[in-house]
Amino acid sequence: MLAKKASKNQITLPKAIASHFPGVAYFDVREEDGRIVPVPLRESKADEVRARLHEVGTTEEDVTNAVQWARR
């Protein structure tokens, strides 16, 4: 398949390729042996933990305070 680099250095993934990654919004892009390699980023466990903390009303300040308390 062919993809063209646009004037703003953007490359659009062909639909036939993108359809293999439903729900993926971000790719980690790296260079390996002269090739561009996009690796799909899926929701991580950290994202699940953050979502759960948000659901129960835990703020970033709460987490910071807990870390400071634990380090004493």
N, C-alpha and C. Protein backbone atom coordinates (compact mmCIF):
# COMPACT_ATOMS: atom_id res chain seq x y z
N MET A 1 0.84 -1.18 0.00
CA MET A 1 0.00 0.00 0.00
C MET A 1 0.88 1.23 0.00
N LEU A 2 0.34 2.29 -0.50
CA LEU A 2 1.09 3.52 -0.65
C LEU A 2 0.52 4.60 0.29
N ALA A 3 1.41 5.33 0.95
CA ALA A 3 1.02 6.47 1.78
C ALA A 3 1.93 7.62 1.41
N LYS A 4 1.39 8.82 1.37
CA LYS A 4 2.17 10.00 0.99
C LYS A 4 2.37 10.90 2.19
N LYS A 5 3.59 11.42 2.34
CA LYS A 5 3.88 12.39 3.40
C LYS A 5 3.40 13.76 2.91
N ALA A 6 2.52 14.39 3.67
CA ALA A 6 1.97 15.70 3.31
C ALA A 6 2.96 16.81 3.66
N SER A 7 2.62 18.02 3.27
CA SER A 7 3.52 19.16 3.48
C SER A 7 3.81 19.43 4.95
N LYS A 8 2.92 19.02 5.85
CA LYS A 8 3.13 19.23 7.28
C LYS A 8 3.65 17.96 7.95
N ASN A 9 4.34 17.12 7.17
CA ASN A 9 4.93 15.87 7.66
C ASN A 9 3.90 14.89 8.22
N GLN A 10 2.69 14.92 7.69
CA GLN A 10 1.66 13.99 8.15
C GLN A 10 1.52 12.85 7.15
N ILE A 11 1.33 11.64 7.70
CA ILE A 11 1.09 10.47 6.88
C ILE A 11 -0.25 9.89 7.31
N THR A 12 -1.12 9.66 6.36
CA THR A 12 -2.42 9.06 6.66
C THR A 12 -2.32 7.56 6.46
N LEU A 13 -2.78 6.82 7.46
CA LEU A 13 -2.77 5.37 7.33
C LEU A 13 -3.85 4.95 6.35
N PRO A 14 -3.54 4.06 5.43
CA PRO A 14 -4.57 3.56 4.52
C PRO A 14 -5.70 2.90 5.32
N LYS A 15 -6.93 3.05 4.85
CA LYS A 15 -8.10 2.52 5.55
C LYS A 15 -7.97 1.02 5.80
N ALA A 16 -7.41 0.30 4.85
CA ALA A 16 -7.26 -1.15 4.99
C ALA A 16 -6.34 -1.50 6.17
N ILE A 17 -5.40 -0.65 6.47
CA ILE A 17 -4.51 -0.87 7.61
C ILE A 17 -5.16 -0.38 8.90
N ALA A 18 -5.70 0.85 8.88
CA ALA A 18 -6.31 1.44 10.07
C ALA A 18 -7.47 0.60 10.60
N SER A 19 -8.17 -0.09 9.71
CA SER A 19 -9.31 -0.91 10.15
C SER A 19 -8.89 -2.07 11.03
N HIS A 20 -7.62 -2.42 11.03
CA HIS A 20 -7.12 -3.50 11.89
C HIS A 20 -6.91 -3.03 13.33
N PHE A 21 -7.07 -1.72 13.58
CA PHE A 21 -6.82 -1.15 14.90
C PHE A 21 -8.01 -0.31 15.38
N PRO A 22 -9.18 -0.93 15.52
CA PRO A 22 -10.35 -0.16 15.97
C PRO A 22 -10.14 0.38 17.38
N GLY A 23 -10.53 1.61 17.59
CA GLY A 23 -10.42 2.22 18.91
C GLY A 23 -9.05 2.76 19.25
N VAL A 24 -8.08 2.59 18.37
CA VAL A 24 -6.74 3.10 18.63
C VAL A 24 -6.64 4.51 18.06
N ALA A 25 -6.30 5.48 18.93
CA ALA A 25 -6.19 6.87 18.50
C ALA A 25 -4.74 7.32 18.38
N TYR A 26 -3.84 6.65 19.09
CA TYR A 26 -2.44 7.08 19.10
C TYR A 26 -1.51 5.93 18.74
N PHE A 27 -0.42 6.30 18.09
CA PHE A 27 0.62 5.36 17.72
C PHE A 27 1.95 5.90 18.21
N ASP A 28 2.77 5.04 18.77
CA ASP A 28 4.15 5.38 19.11
C ASP A 28 4.92 5.18 17.81
N VAL A 29 5.57 6.22 17.32
CA VAL A 29 6.26 6.15 16.04
C VAL A 29 7.76 6.19 16.27
N ARG A 30 8.45 5.22 15.69
CA ARG A 30 9.91 5.18 15.85
C ARG A 30 10.56 4.83 14.52
N GLU A 31 11.85 5.02 14.47
CA GLU A 31 12.62 4.67 13.28
C GLU A 31 13.45 3.45 13.62
N GLU A 32 13.35 2.42 12.78
CA GLU A 32 14.13 1.20 12.97
C GLU A 32 14.73 0.80 11.64
N ASP A 33 16.04 0.81 11.58
CA ASP A 33 16.76 0.39 10.37
C ASP A 33 16.27 1.11 9.12
N GLY A 34 16.07 2.43 9.25
CA GLY A 34 15.65 3.23 8.11
C GLY A 34 14.18 3.12 7.75
N ARG A 35 13.40 2.53 8.63
CA ARG A 35 11.95 2.37 8.39
C ARG A 35 11.16 3.11 9.45
N ILE A 36 10.01 3.60 9.09
CA ILE A 36 9.09 4.23 10.04
C ILE A 36 8.18 3.13 10.57
N VAL A 37 8.15 2.97 11.89
CA VAL A 37 7.38 1.89 12.51
C VAL A 37 6.37 2.49 13.48
N PRO A 38 5.08 2.52 13.11
CA PRO A 38 4.06 2.98 14.05
C PRO A 38 3.55 1.80 14.88
N VAL A 39 3.55 1.95 16.20
CA VAL A 39 3.09 0.90 17.10
C VAL A 39 1.84 1.41 17.81
N PRO A 40 0.72 0.71 17.66
CA PRO A 40 -0.52 1.19 18.27
C PRO A 40 -0.43 1.20 19.79
N LEU A 41 -0.93 2.28 20.39
CA LEU A 41 -0.98 2.38 21.85
C LEU A 41 -2.40 2.09 22.29
N ARG A 42 -2.54 1.07 23.04
CA ARG A 42 -3.85 0.71 23.58
C ARG A 42 -3.96 1.24 25.00
N GLU A 43 -5.18 1.33 25.48
CA GLU A 43 -5.40 1.83 26.85
C GLU A 43 -4.62 0.95 27.82
N SER A 44 -3.89 1.58 28.69
CA SER A 44 -3.04 0.83 29.62
C SER A 44 -3.73 0.65 30.97
N LYS A 45 -3.14 -0.19 31.80
CA LYS A 45 -3.64 -0.37 33.16
C LYS A 45 -3.60 0.94 33.92
N ALA A 46 -2.58 1.76 33.66
CA ALA A 46 -2.48 3.06 34.33
C ALA A 46 -3.70 3.91 34.00
N ASP A 47 -4.14 3.87 32.74
CA ASP A 47 -5.33 4.63 32.35
C ASP A 47 -6.56 4.11 33.09
N GLU A 48 -6.63 2.78 33.26
CA GLU A 48 -7.76 2.19 33.99
C GLU A 48 -7.76 2.65 35.45
N VAL A 49 -6.58 2.69 36.06
CA VAL A 49 -6.46 3.14 37.45
C VAL A 49 -6.86 4.60 37.56
N ARG A 50 -6.36 5.44 36.64
CA ARG A 50 -6.72 6.86 36.66
C ARG A 50 -8.24 7.05 36.53
N ALA A 51 -8.86 6.28 35.64
CA ALA A 51 -10.30 6.38 35.44
C ALA A 51 -11.05 5.98 36.71
N ARG A 52 -10.60 4.93 37.36
CA ARG A 52 -11.25 4.48 38.60
C ARG A 52 -11.08 5.50 39.71
N LEU A 53 -9.87 6.06 39.85
CA LEU A 53 -9.65 7.10 40.86
C LEU A 53 -10.56 8.30 40.61
N HIS A 54 -10.72 8.64 39.34
CA HIS A 54 -11.61 9.76 38.99
C HIS A 54 -13.06 9.44 39.39
N GLU A 55 -13.47 8.19 39.14
CA GLU A 55 -14.84 7.77 39.48
C GLU A 55 -15.13 7.91 40.97
N VAL A 56 -14.14 7.61 41.81
CA VAL A 56 -14.37 7.66 43.25
C VAL A 56 -14.03 9.03 43.85
N GLY A 57 -13.64 9.96 42.99
CA GLY A 57 -13.42 11.33 43.45
C GLY A 57 -12.03 11.63 43.98
N THR A 58 -11.07 10.78 43.70
CA THR A 58 -9.70 11.01 44.15
C THR A 58 -9.04 12.03 43.22
N THR A 59 -8.43 13.06 43.80
CA THR A 59 -7.78 14.10 43.00
C THR A 59 -6.28 13.87 42.95
N GLU A 60 -5.60 14.60 42.06
CA GLU A 60 -4.14 14.52 41.99
C GLU A 60 -3.52 14.97 43.30
N GLU A 61 -4.15 15.95 43.93
CA GLU A 61 -3.65 16.43 45.23
C GLU A 61 -3.73 15.32 46.28
N ASP A 62 -4.83 14.54 46.26
CA ASP A 62 -4.95 13.41 47.18
C ASP A 62 -3.81 12.43 46.98
N VAL A 63 -3.49 12.13 45.74
CA VAL A 63 -2.41 11.19 45.43
C VAL A 63 -1.07 11.76 45.89
N THR A 64 -0.83 13.03 45.61
CA THR A 64 0.42 13.68 46.03
C THR A 64 0.56 13.63 47.55
N ASN A 65 -0.51 13.94 48.25
CA ASN A 65 -0.48 13.90 49.72
C ASN A 65 -0.21 12.48 50.23
N ALA A 66 -0.82 11.49 49.59
CA ALA A 66 -0.61 10.09 50.01
C ALA A 66 0.84 9.67 49.79
N VAL A 67 1.42 10.08 48.67
CA VAL A 67 2.81 9.73 48.39
C VAL A 67 3.73 10.40 49.41
N GLN A 68 3.49 11.68 49.72
CA GLN A 68 4.29 12.38 50.72
C GLN A 68 4.17 11.71 52.08
N TRP A 69 2.95 11.31 52.45
CA TRP A 69 2.73 10.64 53.72
C TRP A 69 3.51 9.32 53.76
N ALA A 70 3.44 8.56 52.67
CA ALA A 70 4.10 7.25 52.63
C ALA A 70 5.63 7.37 52.67
N ARG A 71 6.15 8.46 52.19
CA ARG A 71 7.60 8.64 52.17
C ARG A 71 8.18 9.11 53.50
N ARG A 72 7.33 9.46 54.46
CA ARG A 72 7.81 9.89 55.77
C ARG A 72 8.37 8.75 56.56
